[in-house]
């Protein structure tokens, strides 16, 4: 299982939110590109989110994303936040992103998701952010009436690269991922699953690594607060090859 260290961008800083609340952000570093360079010494893939873009509905921190991708080169960066149009997706690809994360649009404009998945096979990562099993949108500020599994299955016929599953209640808490919900989605999903939200210990990663169809796990706060090193996370994730 691959480890994807995360950089969440807010106000030009690398931050972590508590359970998706923008008013509860902890600033960890004022040089996100420097963080990316350090990550790049250990891993070859990374996860970046423009939190302001997610809330605004369009990418906001493009130049900072560009700097992060350049600092992380030649590694693979997947970027999300405000991708609700073809122009937004193509804009991130032009910056050098290899995969683009899209969530809100899957609920509000599924036709667009289908169009983009067909135009860019394997590039789209479908973000499924769940609150009590239902998909949250607009930077987690709204909750739809669509379940996580139903959303994924509704797009089973198009070439999506992966599903990024986050239990919003666990995100940024370090209390542990929702292993049962992740397993249920992984079993139902025709696409590989990226687990996210709540990873705080190496044991959490080892538990996720045992779930079939989980290709990778996103780790954020635990890397910044010193709960684990990135190298130790990589070792824990490798307890089962996916």
C-alpha atoms as a PDB file:
ATOM      1  CA  UNK A   1       0.000   0.000   0.000  1.00  0.00           C
ATOM      2  CA  UNK A   2       1.410   3.318  -1.094  1.00  0.00           C
ATOM      3  CA  UNK A   3       1.657   6.251   1.320  1.00  0.00           C
ATOM      4  CA  UNK A   4       0.566   9.664   0.041  1.00  0.00           C
ATOM      5  CA  UNK A   5       1.737  12.475   2.331  1.00  0.00           C
ATOM      6  CA  UNK A   6      -0.717  15.359   2.217  1.00  0.00           C
ATOM      7  CA  UNK A   7      -0.298  19.092   1.892  1.00  0.00           C
ATOM      8  CA  UNK A   8      -3.511  21.027   2.506  1.00  0.00           C
ATOM      9  CA  UNK A   9      -3.213  24.672   1.453  1.00  0.00           C
ATOM     10  CA  UNK A  10      -4.904  27.582   3.190  1.00  0.00           C
ATOM     11  CA  UNK A  11      -3.685  31.159   3.100  1.00  0.00           C
ATOM     12  CA  UNK A  12      -0.421  30.099   1.494  1.00  0.00           C
ATOM     13  CA  UNK A  13       0.408  27.733   4.352  1.00  0.00           C
ATOM     14  CA  UNK A  14       0.433  23.977   4.856  1.00  0.00           C
ATOM     15  CA  UNK A  15      -2.399  23.341   7.325  1.00  0.00           C
ATOM     16  CA  UNK A  16      -4.629  20.602   8.671  1.00  0.00           C
ATOM     17  CA  UNK A  17      -8.305  21.017   9.412  1.00  0.00           C
ATOM     18  CA  UNK A  18     -10.108  19.332  12.290  1.00  0.00           C
ATOM     19  CA  UNK A  19     -13.038  17.314  10.908  1.00  0.00           C
ATOM     20  CA  UNK A  20     -13.185  19.540   7.842  1.00  0.00           C
ATOM     21  CA  UNK A  21     -13.817  22.762   9.777  1.00  0.00           C
ATOM     22  CA  UNK A  22     -12.119  25.730   8.149  1.00  0.00           C
ATOM     23  CA  UNK A  23     -12.322  27.697  11.383  1.00  0.00           C
ATOM     24  CA  UNK A  24     -10.345  24.946  13.113  1.00  0.00           C
ATOM     25  CA  UNK A  25      -7.157  24.930  11.043  1.00  0.00           C
ATOM     26  CA  UNK A  26      -3.672  24.357  12.413  1.00  0.00           C
ATOM     27  CA  UNK A  27      -0.823  25.940  10.468  1.00  0.00           C
ATOM     28  CA  UNK A  28       2.152  23.574  10.275  1.00  0.00           C
ATOM     29  CA  UNK A  29       4.464  25.205   7.754  1.00  0.00           C
ATOM     30  CA  UNK A  30       4.648  28.494   5.855  1.00  0.00           C
ATOM     31  CA  UNK A  31       6.709  26.936   3.045  1.00  0.00           C
ATOM     32  CA  UNK A  32       4.594  24.219   1.408  1.00  0.00           C
ATOM     33  CA  UNK A  33       7.051  23.838  -1.470  1.00  0.00           C
ATOM     34  CA  UNK A  34       9.792  23.124   1.047  1.00  0.00           C
ATOM     35  CA  UNK A  35       7.592  20.480   2.649  1.00  0.00           C
ATOM     36  CA  UNK A  36       7.057  18.901  -0.780  1.00  0.00           C
ATOM     37  CA  UNK A  37      10.802  18.773  -1.377  1.00  0.00           C
ATOM     38  CA  UNK A  38      11.315  16.958   1.945  1.00  0.00           C
ATOM     39  CA  UNK A  39       8.538  14.495   1.137  1.00  0.00           C
ATOM     40  CA  UNK A  40      10.096  13.897  -2.275  1.00  0.00           C
ATOM     41  CA  UNK A  41      13.253  12.589  -0.661  1.00  0.00           C
ATOM     42  CA  UNK A  42      11.228   9.647   0.697  1.00  0.00           C
ATOM     43  CA  UNK A  43       8.243   8.960  -1.580  1.00  0.00           C
ATOM     44  CA  UNK A  44       7.334   9.382  -5.240  1.00  0.00           C
ATOM     45  CA  UNK A  45       3.676  10.383  -4.855  1.00  0.00           C
ATOM     46  CA  UNK A  46       1.858  13.093  -2.923  1.00  0.00           C
ATOM     47  CA  UNK A  47      -1.633  14.494  -2.317  1.00  0.00           C
ATOM     48  CA  UNK A  48      -2.337  18.254  -2.446  1.00  0.00           C
ATOM     49  CA  UNK A  49      -5.588  20.083  -1.712  1.00  0.00           C
ATOM     50  CA  UNK A  50      -6.376  23.742  -2.347  1.00  0.00           C
ATOM     51  CA  UNK A  51      -8.800  24.222   0.544  1.00  0.00           C
ATOM     52  CA  UNK A  52      -9.709  27.729  -0.571  1.00  0.00           C
ATOM     53  CA  UNK A  53     -10.440  26.384  -4.029  1.00  0.00           C
ATOM     54  CA  UNK A  54     -12.661  23.655  -2.602  1.00  0.00           C
ATOM     55  CA  UNK A  55     -14.753  26.278  -0.850  1.00  0.00           C
ATOM     56  CA  UNK A  56     -14.741  28.764  -3.731  1.00  0.00           C
ATOM     57  CA  UNK A  57     -15.608  26.225  -6.414  1.00  0.00           C
ATOM     58  CA  UNK A  58     -12.523  26.982  -8.535  1.00  0.00           C
ATOM     59  CA  UNK A  59      -8.757  26.682  -7.988  1.00  0.00           C
ATOM     60  CA  UNK A  60      -7.371  29.609  -5.979  1.00  0.00           C
ATOM     61  CA  UNK A  61      -3.748  28.819  -5.127  1.00  0.00           C
ATOM     62  CA  UNK A  62      -2.502  27.867  -8.589  1.00  0.00           C
ATOM     63  CA  UNK A  63       0.967  29.401  -8.299  1.00  0.00           C
ATOM     64  CA  UNK A  64       1.595  27.707  -4.976  1.00  0.00           C
ATOM     65  CA  UNK A  65       0.454  24.392  -6.449  1.00  0.00           C
ATOM     66  CA  UNK A  66       2.863  24.967  -9.343  1.00  0.00           C
ATOM     67  CA  UNK A  67       5.726  25.567  -6.883  1.00  0.00           C
ATOM     68  CA  UNK A  68       4.867  22.393  -4.960  1.00  0.00           C
ATOM     69  CA  UNK A  69       4.788  20.265  -8.121  1.00  0.00           C
ATOM     70  CA  UNK A  70       8.124  21.699  -9.259  1.00  0.00           C
ATOM     71  CA  UNK A  71       9.668  21.032  -5.838  1.00  0.00           C
ATOM     72  CA  UNK A  72       8.378  17.449  -5.832  1.00  0.00           C
ATOM     73  CA  UNK A  73       9.501  16.636  -9.387  1.00  0.00           C
ATOM     74  CA  UNK A  74       9.746  14.022 -10.812  1.00  0.00           C
ATOM     75  CA  UNK A  75       7.219  12.531  -8.390  1.00  0.00           C
ATOM     76  CA  UNK A  76       3.497  12.097  -9.027  1.00  0.00           C
ATOM     77  CA  UNK A  77       1.278  14.791  -7.512  1.00  0.00           C
ATOM     78  CA  UNK A  78      -2.484  14.445  -7.344  1.00  0.00           C
ATOM     79  CA  UNK A  79      -4.264  17.749  -6.777  1.00  0.00           C
ATOM     80  CA  UNK A  80      -7.792  18.651  -5.758  1.00  0.00           C
ATOM     81  CA  UNK A  81      -9.821  21.623  -4.645  1.00  0.00           C
ATOM     82  CA  UNK A  82     -12.407  23.427  -6.737  1.00  0.00           C
ATOM     83  CA  UNK A  83     -12.319  21.127  -9.772  1.00  0.00           C
ATOM     84  CA  UNK A  84     -15.812  21.675 -11.139  1.00  0.00           C
ATOM     85  CA  UNK A  85     -15.048  22.375 -14.786  1.00  0.00           C
ATOM     86  CA  UNK A  86     -12.955  21.014 -17.631  1.00  0.00           C
ATOM     87  CA  UNK A  87     -10.840  24.167 -17.507  1.00  0.00           C
ATOM     88  CA  UNK A  88     -10.010  23.562 -13.832  1.00  0.00           C
ATOM     89  CA  UNK A  89      -8.904  19.995 -14.496  1.00  0.00           C
ATOM     90  CA  UNK A  90      -6.850  20.937 -17.533  1.00  0.00           C
ATOM     91  CA  UNK A  91      -5.364  23.836 -15.596  1.00  0.00           C
ATOM     92  CA  UNK A  92      -4.003  21.486 -12.928  1.00  0.00           C
ATOM     93  CA  UNK A  93      -2.653  19.134 -15.615  1.00  0.00           C
ATOM     94  CA  UNK A  94      -0.905  22.105 -17.238  1.00  0.00           C
ATOM     95  CA  UNK A  95       0.796  22.788 -13.893  1.00  0.00           C
ATOM     96  CA  UNK A  96       2.193  19.265 -13.958  1.00  0.00           C
ATOM     97  CA  UNK A  97      -0.311  17.343 -11.841  1.00  0.00           C
ATOM     98  CA  UNK A  98      -0.589  13.679 -12.859  1.00  0.00           C
ATOM     99  CA  UNK A  99      -3.970  12.996 -11.245  1.00  0.00           C
ATOM    100  CA  UNK A 100      -6.775  15.406 -10.422  1.00  0.00           C
ATOM    101  CA  UNK A 101      -9.202  14.957  -7.559  1.00  0.00           C
ATOM    102  CA  UNK A 102     -12.841  15.825  -8.134  1.00  0.00           C
ATOM    103  CA  UNK A 103     -15.647  15.454  -5.621  1.00  0.00           C
ATOM    104  CA  UNK A 104     -18.444  18.023  -5.544  1.00  0.00           C
ATOM    105  CA  UNK A 105     -18.932  17.881  -9.322  1.00  0.00           C
ATOM    106  CA  UNK A 106     -19.676  14.151  -9.108  1.00  0.00           C
ATOM    107  CA  UNK A 107     -22.786  14.974  -7.097  1.00  0.00           C
ATOM    108  CA  UNK A 108     -23.816  18.210  -8.784  1.00  0.00           C
ATOM    109  CA  UNK A 109     -22.717  17.589 -12.389  1.00  0.00           C
ATOM    110  CA  UNK A 110     -22.216  13.848 -13.021  1.00  0.00           C
ATOM    111  CA  UNK A 111     -22.330  14.403 -16.783  1.00  0.00           C
ATOM    112  CA  UNK A 112     -19.188  16.514 -16.503  1.00  0.00           C
ATOM    113  CA  UNK A 113     -17.433  13.770 -14.549  1.00  0.00           C
ATOM    114  CA  UNK A 114     -18.293  11.232 -17.213  1.00  0.00           C
ATOM    115  CA  UNK A 115     -17.041  13.548 -19.955  1.00  0.00           C
ATOM    116  CA  UNK A 116     -13.744  14.210 -18.169  1.00  0.00           C
ATOM    117  CA  UNK A 117     -13.158  10.574 -17.238  1.00  0.00           C
ATOM    118  CA  UNK A 118     -13.584   9.545 -20.867  1.00  0.00           C
ATOM    119  CA  UNK A 119     -11.380  12.382 -22.104  1.00  0.00           C
ATOM    120  CA  UNK A 120      -8.643  11.630 -19.550  1.00  0.00           C
ATOM    121  CA  UNK A 121      -8.772   7.908 -18.703  1.00  0.00           C
ATOM    122  CA  UNK A 122      -7.230   7.068 -15.347  1.00  0.00           C
ATOM    123  CA  UNK A 123      -6.514  10.707 -14.469  1.00  0.00           C
ATOM    124  CA  UNK A 124      -9.612  11.493 -12.410  1.00  0.00           C
ATOM    125  CA  UNK A 125      -9.655  10.618  -8.727  1.00  0.00           C
ATOM    126  CA  UNK A 126     -13.207  10.601  -7.390  1.00  0.00           C
ATOM    127  CA  UNK A 127     -13.264  12.125  -3.915  1.00  0.00           C
ATOM    128  CA  UNK A 128     -15.948  10.541  -1.764  1.00  0.00           C
ATOM    129  CA  UNK A 129     -16.075  12.520   1.464  1.00  0.00           C
ATOM    130  CA  UNK A 130     -18.647  10.997   3.798  1.00  0.00           C
ATOM    131  CA  UNK A 131     -20.509  12.322   6.810  1.00  0.00           C
ATOM    132  CA  UNK A 132     -22.537   9.558   8.443  1.00  0.00           C
ATOM    133  CA  UNK A 133     -22.330   7.621   5.190  1.00  0.00           C
ATOM    134  CA  UNK A 134     -23.586  10.451   2.964  1.00  0.00           C
ATOM    135  CA  UNK A 135     -21.392  12.392   0.545  1.00  0.00           C
ATOM    136  CA  UNK A 136     -20.312  15.866   1.649  1.00  0.00           C
ATOM    137  CA  UNK A 137     -19.655  18.576  -0.955  1.00  0.00           C
ATOM    138  CA  UNK A 138     -18.441  22.175  -1.300  1.00  0.00           C
ATOM    139  CA  UNK A 139     -15.381  21.791   0.873  1.00  0.00           C
ATOM    140  CA  UNK A 140     -17.388  19.574   3.258  1.00  0.00           C
ATOM    141  CA  UNK A 141     -19.769  22.441   4.039  1.00  0.00           C
ATOM    142  CA  UNK A 142     -22.853  20.676   2.603  1.00  0.00           C
ATOM    143  CA  UNK A 143     -24.111  17.083   2.838  1.00  0.00           C
ATOM    144  CA  UNK A 144     -25.946  15.402  -0.026  1.00  0.00           C
ATOM    145  CA  UNK A 145     -28.507  12.595   0.099  1.00  0.00           C
ATOM    146  CA  UNK A 146     -26.262  10.223  -1.861  1.00  0.00           C
ATOM    147  CA  UNK A 147     -24.398   7.428  -0.110  1.00  0.00           C
ATOM    148  CA  UNK A 148     -20.707   6.884  -0.768  1.00  0.00           C
ATOM    149  CA  UNK A 149     -21.232   3.486  -2.365  1.00  0.00           C
ATOM    150  CA  UNK A 150     -24.097   4.641  -4.571  1.00  0.00           C
ATOM    151  CA  UNK A 151     -22.011   7.531  -5.893  1.00  0.00           C
ATOM    152  CA  UNK A 152     -19.122   5.245  -6.827  1.00  0.00           C
ATOM    153  CA  UNK A 153     -21.362   2.657  -8.461  1.00  0.00           C
ATOM    154  CA  UNK A 154     -23.158   5.338 -10.476  1.00  0.00           C
ATOM    155  CA  UNK A 155     -19.861   5.991 -12.266  1.00  0.00           C
ATOM    156  CA  UNK A 156     -18.732   2.381 -12.604  1.00  0.00           C
ATOM    157  CA  UNK A 157     -18.869   2.497 -16.400  1.00  0.00           C
ATOM    158  CA  UNK A 158     -16.282   5.256 -16.921  1.00  0.00           C
ATOM    159  CA  UNK A 159     -12.452   5.008 -16.552  1.00  0.00           C
ATOM    160  CA  UNK A 160     -11.890   6.733 -13.203  1.00  0.00           C
ATOM    161  CA  UNK A 161      -8.380   6.239 -11.820  1.00  0.00           C
ATOM    162  CA  UNK A 162      -9.208   5.791  -8.142  1.00  0.00           C
ATOM    163  CA  UNK A 163     -11.668   6.626  -5.373  1.00  0.00           C
ATOM    164  CA  UNK A 164     -10.418   8.792  -2.523  1.00  0.00           C
ATOM    165  CA  UNK A 165     -12.522   7.877   0.507  1.00  0.00           C
ATOM    166  CA  UNK A 166     -12.543  10.158   3.550  1.00  0.00           C
ATOM    167  CA  UNK A 167     -14.658   9.870   6.672  1.00  0.00           C
ATOM    168  CA  UNK A 168     -14.952  13.568   7.509  1.00  0.00           C
ATOM    169  CA  UNK A 169     -15.597  12.888  11.202  1.00  0.00           C
ATOM    170  CA  UNK A 170     -12.186  11.211  11.452  1.00  0.00           C
ATOM    171  CA  UNK A 171     -10.201  13.650   9.316  1.00  0.00           C
ATOM    172  CA  UNK A 172      -7.481  15.521  11.159  1.00  0.00           C
ATOM    173  CA  UNK A 173      -8.232  13.784  14.457  1.00  0.00           C
ATOM    174  CA  UNK A 174      -5.623  11.025  14.465  1.00  0.00           C
ATOM    175  CA  UNK A 175      -8.230   8.808  16.122  1.00  0.00           C
ATOM    176  CA  UNK A 176      -8.005   6.192  13.400  1.00  0.00           C
ATOM    177  CA  UNK A 177      -9.585   5.739   9.970  1.00  0.00           C
ATOM    178  CA  UNK A 178     -13.037   4.261   9.560  1.00  0.00           C
ATOM    179  CA  UNK A 179     -11.712   0.821   8.653  1.00  0.00           C
ATOM    180  CA  UNK A 180     -15.120  -0.847   8.376  1.00  0.00           C
ATOM    181  CA  UNK A 181     -16.544   1.816   6.047  1.00  0.00           C
ATOM    182  CA  UNK A 182     -13.350   1.831   3.989  1.00  0.00           C
ATOM    183  CA  UNK A 183     -13.503  -1.940   3.638  1.00  0.00           C
ATOM    184  CA  UNK A 184     -17.169  -1.857   2.625  1.00  0.00           C
ATOM    185  CA  UNK A 185     -16.499   0.733  -0.058  1.00  0.00           C
ATOM    186  CA  UNK A 186     -13.372  -1.063  -1.281  1.00  0.00           C
ATOM    187  CA  UNK A 187     -15.316  -4.301  -1.652  1.00  0.00           C
ATOM    188  CA  UNK A 188     -18.069  -2.582  -3.648  1.00  0.00           C
ATOM    189  CA  UNK A 189     -15.865  -0.288  -5.740  1.00  0.00           C
ATOM    190  CA  UNK A 190     -14.789  -1.244  -9.269  1.00  0.00           C
ATOM    191  CA  UNK A 191     -11.928   1.236  -8.829  1.00  0.00           C
ATOM    192  CA  UNK A 192      -8.891   1.164  -6.507  1.00  0.00           C
ATOM    193  CA  UNK A 193      -9.501   3.005  -3.232  1.00  0.00           C
ATOM    194  CA  UNK A 194      -7.320   5.605  -1.534  1.00  0.00           C
ATOM    195  CA  UNK A 195      -8.007   5.687   2.215  1.00  0.00           C
ATOM    196  CA  UNK A 196      -7.977   9.051   3.971  1.00  0.00           C
ATOM    197  CA  UNK A 197      -8.931  10.584   7.276  1.00  0.00           C
ATOM    198  CA  UNK A 198      -7.895   9.833  10.840  1.00  0.00           C
ATOM    199  CA  UNK A 199      -4.540   8.092  10.383  1.00  0.00           C
ATOM    200  CA  UNK A 200      -2.593   8.735  13.556  1.00  0.00           C
ATOM    201  CA  UNK A 201      -0.473   5.643  14.195  1.00  0.00           C
ATOM    202  CA  UNK A 202       1.460   3.029  12.274  1.00  0.00           C
ATOM    203  CA  UNK A 203      -1.093   0.462  13.429  1.00  0.00           C
ATOM    204  CA  UNK A 204      -3.782   2.417  11.571  1.00  0.00           C
ATOM    205  CA  UNK A 205      -1.772   2.083   8.359  1.00  0.00           C
ATOM    206  CA  UNK A 206      -1.163  -1.598   8.944  1.00  0.00           C
ATOM    207  CA  UNK A 207      -4.924  -2.136   9.345  1.00  0.00           C
ATOM    208  CA  UNK A 208      -5.661  -0.298   6.100  1.00  0.00           C
ATOM    209  CA  UNK A 209      -2.941  -2.208   4.263  1.00  0.00           C
ATOM    210  CA  UNK A 210      -4.790  -5.451   4.931  1.00  0.00           C
ATOM    211  CA  UNK A 211      -7.897  -4.321   3.025  1.00  0.00           C
ATOM    212  CA  UNK A 212      -7.988  -5.652  -0.528  1.00  0.00           C
ATOM    213  CA  UNK A 213      -8.423  -2.971  -3.202  1.00  0.00           C
ATOM    214  CA  UNK A 214      -6.985  -0.187  -1.015  1.00  0.00           C
ATOM    215  CA  UNK A 215      -4.120   1.046  -3.186  1.00  0.00           C
ATOM    216  CA  UNK A 216      -2.848   3.823  -0.958  1.00  0.00           C
ATOM    217  CA  UNK A 217      -3.434   5.884   2.165  1.00  0.00           C
ATOM    218  CA  UNK A 218      -3.227   9.635   2.702  1.00  0.00           C
ATOM    219  CA  UNK A 219      -1.343  10.743   5.809  1.00  0.00           C
ATOM    220  CA  UNK A 220      -1.337  14.337   6.986  1.00  0.00           C
ATOM    221  CA  UNK A 221      -1.396  15.552  10.577  1.00  0.00           C
ATOM    222  CA  UNK A 222       0.538  12.559  11.951  1.00  0.00           C
ATOM    223  CA  UNK A 223       3.520  13.528   9.782  1.00  0.00           C
ATOM    224  CA  UNK A 224       3.415  17.157  10.847  1.00  0.00           C
ATOM    225  CA  UNK A 225       2.976  16.656  14.591  1.00  0.00           C
ATOM    226  CA  UNK A 226       5.696  14.015  14.823  1.00  0.00           C
ATOM    227  CA  UNK A 227       3.433  11.038  15.548  1.00  0.00           C
ATOM    228  CA  UNK A 228       5.263   9.137  12.805  1.00  0.00           C
ATOM    229  CA  UNK A 229       7.986   9.647  10.251  1.00  0.00           C
ATOM    230  CA  UNK A 230       7.238   9.326   6.570  1.00  0.00           C
ATOM    231  CA  UNK A 231       9.731   6.472   6.247  1.00  0.00           C
ATOM    232  CA  UNK A 232       8.047   4.567   9.083  1.00  0.00           C
ATOM    233  CA  UNK A 233       4.671   5.146   7.400  1.00  0.00           C
ATOM    234  CA  UNK A 234       6.004   3.715   4.135  1.00  0.00           C
ATOM    235  CA  UNK A 235       7.249   0.633   5.960  1.00  0.00           C
ATOM    236  CA  UNK A 236       3.881   0.125   7.707  1.00  0.00           C
ATOM    237  CA  UNK A 237       2.007   0.498   4.449  1.00  0.00           C
ATOM    238  CA  UNK A 238       4.182  -2.130   2.818  1.00  0.00           C
ATOM    239  CA  UNK A 239       2.976  -4.854   5.167  1.00  0.00           C
ATOM    240  CA  UNK A 240       0.808  -6.072   2.267  1.00  0.00           C
ATOM    241  CA  UNK A 241       1.502  -5.469  -1.386  1.00  0.00           C
ATOM    242  CA  UNK A 242      -1.528  -4.181  -3.295  1.00  0.00           C
END
